[in-house]
Amino acid sequence: MRMPRRDLIATGLVAAAGLLYLLWAADSAPPGMRGTRATGIVILGLGFAASASAVVPTFTKLLHGNKGYLAVTTLIGLVAAVAGVQMLLTASEASLAVVMVSMLVLWLIATVHHSLEASSSLARPTTGVRRSPPRPATNG
């Protein structure tokens, strides 16, 4: 199963957020990132960028596609948004954890969905495509 390019970008962004979160949790975050809010702002930014890279190029397709997928990912996104606001207002470590887990779950769902979508479009036969017969070679 081949991963679409947009998901490779999102994977890198989510991996960077995960690494930052793990460093923060182990009290080994880079200088300036040791606070919950500072780490949370960067993680939220990486999450928004990952979402934009994976969703925006096909937003119209998303709205007209699988309604269950859209409902589940919207609900998880709302949980992440509420937790993100709470984390920013209260510097809540638990809210930052909810943001990180939500991001990972959204990434996993989206990556699997896009990979299945890509593999099913490759497996579909093309219909209605007329091919011209090959032209004979000319010496000339």
C-alpha atoms as a PDB file:
ATOM      1  CA  MET A   1       0.000   0.000   0.000  1.00  0.00           C
ATOM      2  CA  ARG A   2       1.545   3.281  -1.142  1.00  0.00           C
ATOM      3  CA  MET A   3       1.165   6.328   1.094  1.00  0.00           C
ATOM      4  CA  PRO A   4       0.047   9.499  -0.707  1.00  0.00           C
ATOM      5  CA  ARG A   5       2.511  12.405  -0.629  1.00  0.00           C
ATOM      6  CA  ARG A   6       0.188  14.591   1.453  1.00  0.00           C
ATOM      7  CA  ASP A   7       0.164  11.891   4.134  1.00  0.00           C
ATOM      8  CA  LEU A   8       3.947  11.675   4.114  1.00  0.00           C
ATOM      9  CA  ILE A   9       4.052  15.401   4.902  1.00  0.00           C
ATOM     10  CA  ALA A  10       1.427  15.008   7.625  1.00  0.00           C
ATOM     11  CA  THR A  11       3.338  12.037   9.056  1.00  0.00           C
ATOM     12  CA  GLY A  12       6.498  14.114   9.386  1.00  0.00           C
ATOM     13  CA  LEU A  13       4.613  16.936  11.107  1.00  0.00           C
ATOM     14  CA  VAL A  14       2.840  14.586  13.530  1.00  0.00           C
ATOM     15  CA  ALA A  15       6.128  12.807  14.257  1.00  0.00           C
ATOM     16  CA  ALA A  16       7.749  16.165  15.069  1.00  0.00           C
ATOM     17  CA  ALA A  17       4.850  17.021  17.393  1.00  0.00           C
ATOM     18  CA  GLY A  18       5.087  13.601  19.042  1.00  0.00           C
ATOM     19  CA  LEU A  19       8.816  13.966  19.563  1.00  0.00           C
ATOM     20  CA  LEU A  20       8.374  17.429  21.070  1.00  0.00           C
ATOM     21  CA  TYR A  21       5.636  16.111  23.362  1.00  0.00           C
ATOM     22  CA  LEU A  22       7.825  13.213  24.518  1.00  0.00           C
ATOM     23  CA  LEU A  23      10.755  15.557  25.171  1.00  0.00           C
ATOM     24  CA  TRP A  24       8.456  17.893  27.116  1.00  0.00           C
ATOM     25  CA  ALA A  25       7.003  14.993  29.139  1.00  0.00           C
ATOM     26  CA  ALA A  26      10.530  13.822  30.010  1.00  0.00           C
ATOM     27  CA  ASP A  27      11.555  17.364  31.078  1.00  0.00           C
ATOM     28  CA  SER A  28      14.044  17.430  28.201  1.00  0.00           C
ATOM     29  CA  ALA A  29      12.342  19.960  25.940  1.00  0.00           C
ATOM     30  CA  PRO A  30      14.511  22.514  24.170  1.00  0.00           C
ATOM     31  CA  PRO A  31      14.957  25.891  25.863  1.00  0.00           C
ATOM     32  CA  GLY A  32      11.866  28.049  25.474  1.00  0.00           C
ATOM     33  CA  MET A  33       9.670  24.955  25.148  1.00  0.00           C
ATOM     34  CA  ARG A  34       9.663  23.775  28.716  1.00  0.00           C
ATOM     35  CA  GLY A  35       6.317  25.335  29.591  1.00  0.00           C
ATOM     36  CA  THR A  36       3.016  23.661  28.806  1.00  0.00           C
ATOM     37  CA  ARG A  37       1.719  26.631  26.800  1.00  0.00           C
ATOM     38  CA  ALA A  38       4.883  27.049  24.720  1.00  0.00           C
ATOM     39  CA  THR A  39       5.014  23.354  23.894  1.00  0.00           C
ATOM     40  CA  GLY A  40       1.265  23.321  23.284  1.00  0.00           C
ATOM     41  CA  ILE A  41       1.405  26.236  20.857  1.00  0.00           C
ATOM     42  CA  VAL A  42       4.049  24.494  18.758  1.00  0.00           C
ATOM     43  CA  ILE A  43       2.166  21.181  18.890  1.00  0.00           C
ATOM     44  CA  LEU A  44      -1.079  22.902  17.874  1.00  0.00           C
ATOM     45  CA  GLY A  45       0.729  24.597  14.987  1.00  0.00           C
ATOM     46  CA  LEU A  46       2.189  21.300  13.811  1.00  0.00           C
ATOM     47  CA  GLY A  47      -1.257  19.701  14.110  1.00  0.00           C
ATOM     48  CA  PHE A  48      -2.907  22.436  12.040  1.00  0.00           C
ATOM     49  CA  ALA A  49      -0.182  22.130   9.410  1.00  0.00           C
ATOM     50  CA  ALA A  50      -0.589  18.335   9.301  1.00  0.00           C
ATOM     51  CA  SER A  51      -4.335  18.692   8.935  1.00  0.00           C
ATOM     52  CA  ALA A  52      -3.991  21.280   6.194  1.00  0.00           C
ATOM     53  CA  SER A  53      -1.540  19.137   4.246  1.00  0.00           C
ATOM     54  CA  ALA A  54      -3.777  16.069   4.467  1.00  0.00           C
ATOM     55  CA  VAL A  55      -7.243  17.640   4.044  1.00  0.00           C
ATOM     56  CA  VAL A  56      -7.179  20.971   2.228  1.00  0.00           C
ATOM     57  CA  PRO A  57      -6.108  19.641  -1.190  1.00  0.00           C
ATOM     58  CA  THR A  58      -9.235  17.466  -1.282  1.00  0.00           C
ATOM     59  CA  PHE A  59     -11.704  19.440   0.849  1.00  0.00           C
ATOM     60  CA  THR A  60     -14.487  19.326  -1.771  1.00  0.00           C
ATOM     61  CA  LYS A  61     -13.983  15.588  -2.145  1.00  0.00           C
ATOM     62  CA  LEU A  62     -14.092  15.237   1.645  1.00  0.00           C
ATOM     63  CA  LEU A  63     -17.458  17.005   1.876  1.00  0.00           C
ATOM     64  CA  HIS A  64     -18.965  14.776  -0.803  1.00  0.00           C
ATOM     65  CA  GLY A  65     -17.310  11.565   0.375  1.00  0.00           C
ATOM     66  CA  ASN A  66     -17.761   9.182   3.283  1.00  0.00           C
ATOM     67  CA  LYS A  67     -20.094  10.870   5.778  1.00  0.00           C
ATOM     68  CA  GLY A  68     -19.100   8.535   8.628  1.00  0.00           C
ATOM     69  CA  TYR A  69     -15.427   9.422   8.161  1.00  0.00           C
ATOM     70  CA  LEU A  70     -16.317  13.111   8.082  1.00  0.00           C
ATOM     71  CA  ALA A  71     -18.446  12.852  11.255  1.00  0.00           C
ATOM     72  CA  VAL A  72     -15.847  10.906  13.266  1.00  0.00           C
ATOM     73  CA  THR A  73     -12.916  13.102  12.267  1.00  0.00           C
ATOM     74  CA  THR A  74     -14.945  16.268  12.898  1.00  0.00           C
ATOM     75  CA  LEU A  75     -15.858  15.072  16.385  1.00  0.00           C
ATOM     76  CA  ILE A  76     -12.232  14.216  17.208  1.00  0.00           C
ATOM     77  CA  GLY A  77     -11.148  17.578  15.774  1.00  0.00           C
ATOM     78  CA  LEU A  78     -13.627  19.382  18.015  1.00  0.00           C
ATOM     79  CA  VAL A  79     -12.299  17.506  21.047  1.00  0.00           C
ATOM     80  CA  ALA A  80      -8.771  18.567  20.069  1.00  0.00           C
ATOM     81  CA  ALA A  81      -9.854  22.186  19.570  1.00  0.00           C
ATOM     82  CA  VAL A  82     -11.605  22.388  22.953  1.00  0.00           C
ATOM     83  CA  ALA A  83      -8.633  20.744  24.668  1.00  0.00           C
ATOM     84  CA  GLY A  84      -6.281  23.128  22.856  1.00  0.00           C
ATOM     85  CA  VAL A  85      -8.176  26.194  24.039  1.00  0.00           C
ATOM     86  CA  GLN A  86      -8.314  24.830  27.576  1.00  0.00           C
ATOM     87  CA  MET A  87      -4.587  24.052  27.455  1.00  0.00           C
ATOM     88  CA  LEU A  88      -3.799  27.596  26.337  1.00  0.00           C
ATOM     89  CA  LEU A  89      -6.017  29.188  28.993  1.00  0.00           C
ATOM     90  CA  THR A  90      -5.061  27.019  31.964  1.00  0.00           C
ATOM     91  CA  ALA A  91      -1.695  25.473  30.990  1.00  0.00           C
ATOM     92  CA  SER A  92      -3.307  22.101  31.663  1.00  0.00           C
ATOM     93  CA  GLU A  93      -0.986  19.160  31.101  1.00  0.00           C
ATOM     94  CA  ALA A  94      -3.988  16.845  30.735  1.00  0.00           C
ATOM     95  CA  SER A  95      -5.397  19.043  27.959  1.00  0.00           C
ATOM     96  CA  LEU A  96      -2.065  18.954  26.149  1.00  0.00           C
ATOM     97  CA  ALA A  97      -2.159  15.154  26.370  1.00  0.00           C
ATOM     98  CA  VAL A  98      -5.687  15.163  24.895  1.00  0.00           C
ATOM     99  CA  VAL A  99      -4.478  17.377  22.034  1.00  0.00           C
ATOM    100  CA  MET A 100      -1.587  15.014  21.317  1.00  0.00           C
ATOM    101  CA  VAL A 101      -3.697  11.847  21.460  1.00  0.00           C
ATOM    102  CA  SER A 102      -6.376  13.457  19.275  1.00  0.00           C
ATOM    103  CA  MET A 103      -3.737  14.445  16.734  1.00  0.00           C
ATOM    104  CA  LEU A 104      -2.345  10.912  16.622  1.00  0.00           C
ATOM    105  CA  VAL A 105      -5.808   9.373  16.225  1.00  0.00           C
ATOM    106  CA  LEU A 106      -6.745  11.831  13.467  1.00  0.00           C
ATOM    107  CA  TRP A 107      -3.471  11.172  11.681  1.00  0.00           C
ATOM    108  CA  LEU A 108      -3.976   7.407  11.868  1.00  0.00           C
ATOM    109  CA  ILE A 109      -7.578   7.552  10.636  1.00  0.00           C
ATOM    110  CA  ALA A 110      -6.753   9.963   7.807  1.00  0.00           C
ATOM    111  CA  THR A 111      -3.666   8.055   6.681  1.00  0.00           C
ATOM    112  CA  VAL A 112      -5.499   4.734   6.561  1.00  0.00           C
ATOM    113  CA  HIS A 113      -8.472   6.355   4.811  1.00  0.00           C
ATOM    114  CA  HIS A 114      -6.301   8.060   2.188  1.00  0.00           C
ATOM    115  CA  SER A 115      -4.205   4.935   1.593  1.00  0.00           C
ATOM    116  CA  LEU A 116      -7.299   2.790   1.080  1.00  0.00           C
ATOM    117  CA  GLU A 117      -8.780   5.457  -1.155  1.00  0.00           C
ATOM    118  CA  ALA A 118      -5.603   5.610  -3.240  1.00  0.00           C
ATOM    119  CA  SER A 119      -5.319   1.839  -3.576  1.00  0.00           C
ATOM    120  CA  SER A 120      -8.987   1.477  -4.548  1.00  0.00           C
ATOM    121  CA  SER A 121      -8.652   4.167  -7.223  1.00  0.00           C
ATOM    122  CA  LEU A 122      -5.641   2.312  -8.654  1.00  0.00           C
ATOM    123  CA  ALA A 123      -7.592  -0.954  -8.718  1.00  0.00           C
ATOM    124  CA  ARG A 124     -10.600   0.535 -10.520  1.00  0.00           C
ATOM    125  CA  PRO A 125     -10.632  -0.221 -14.211  1.00  0.00           C
ATOM    126  CA  THR A 126     -10.879   2.756 -16.482  1.00  0.00           C
ATOM    127  CA  THR A 127     -14.037   2.702 -18.528  1.00  0.00           C
ATOM    128  CA  GLY A 128     -14.945   4.761 -21.499  1.00  0.00           C
ATOM    129  CA  VAL A 129     -11.345   5.496 -22.389  1.00  0.00           C
ATOM    130  CA  ARG A 130     -10.712   5.058 -26.074  1.00  0.00           C
ATOM    131  CA  ARG A 131      -7.217   4.380 -27.190  1.00  0.00           C
ATOM    132  CA  SER A 132      -6.041   5.063 -30.686  1.00  0.00           C
ATOM    133  CA  PRO A 133      -4.227   2.262 -32.429  1.00  0.00           C
ATOM    134  CA  PRO A 134      -0.458   2.792 -32.584  1.00  0.00           C
ATOM    135  CA  ARG A 135       0.706   4.738 -35.608  1.00  0.00           C
ATOM    136  CA  PRO A 136       3.001   2.940 -37.984  1.00  0.00           C
ATOM    137  CA  ALA A 137       6.589   4.115 -37.988  1.00  0.00           C
ATOM    138  CA  THR A 138       7.552   6.238 -40.941  1.00  0.00           C
ATOM    139  CA  ASN A 139      10.967   6.661 -42.453  1.00  0.00           C
ATOM    140  CA  GLY A 140      11.419  10.122 -43.188  1.00  0.00           C
END
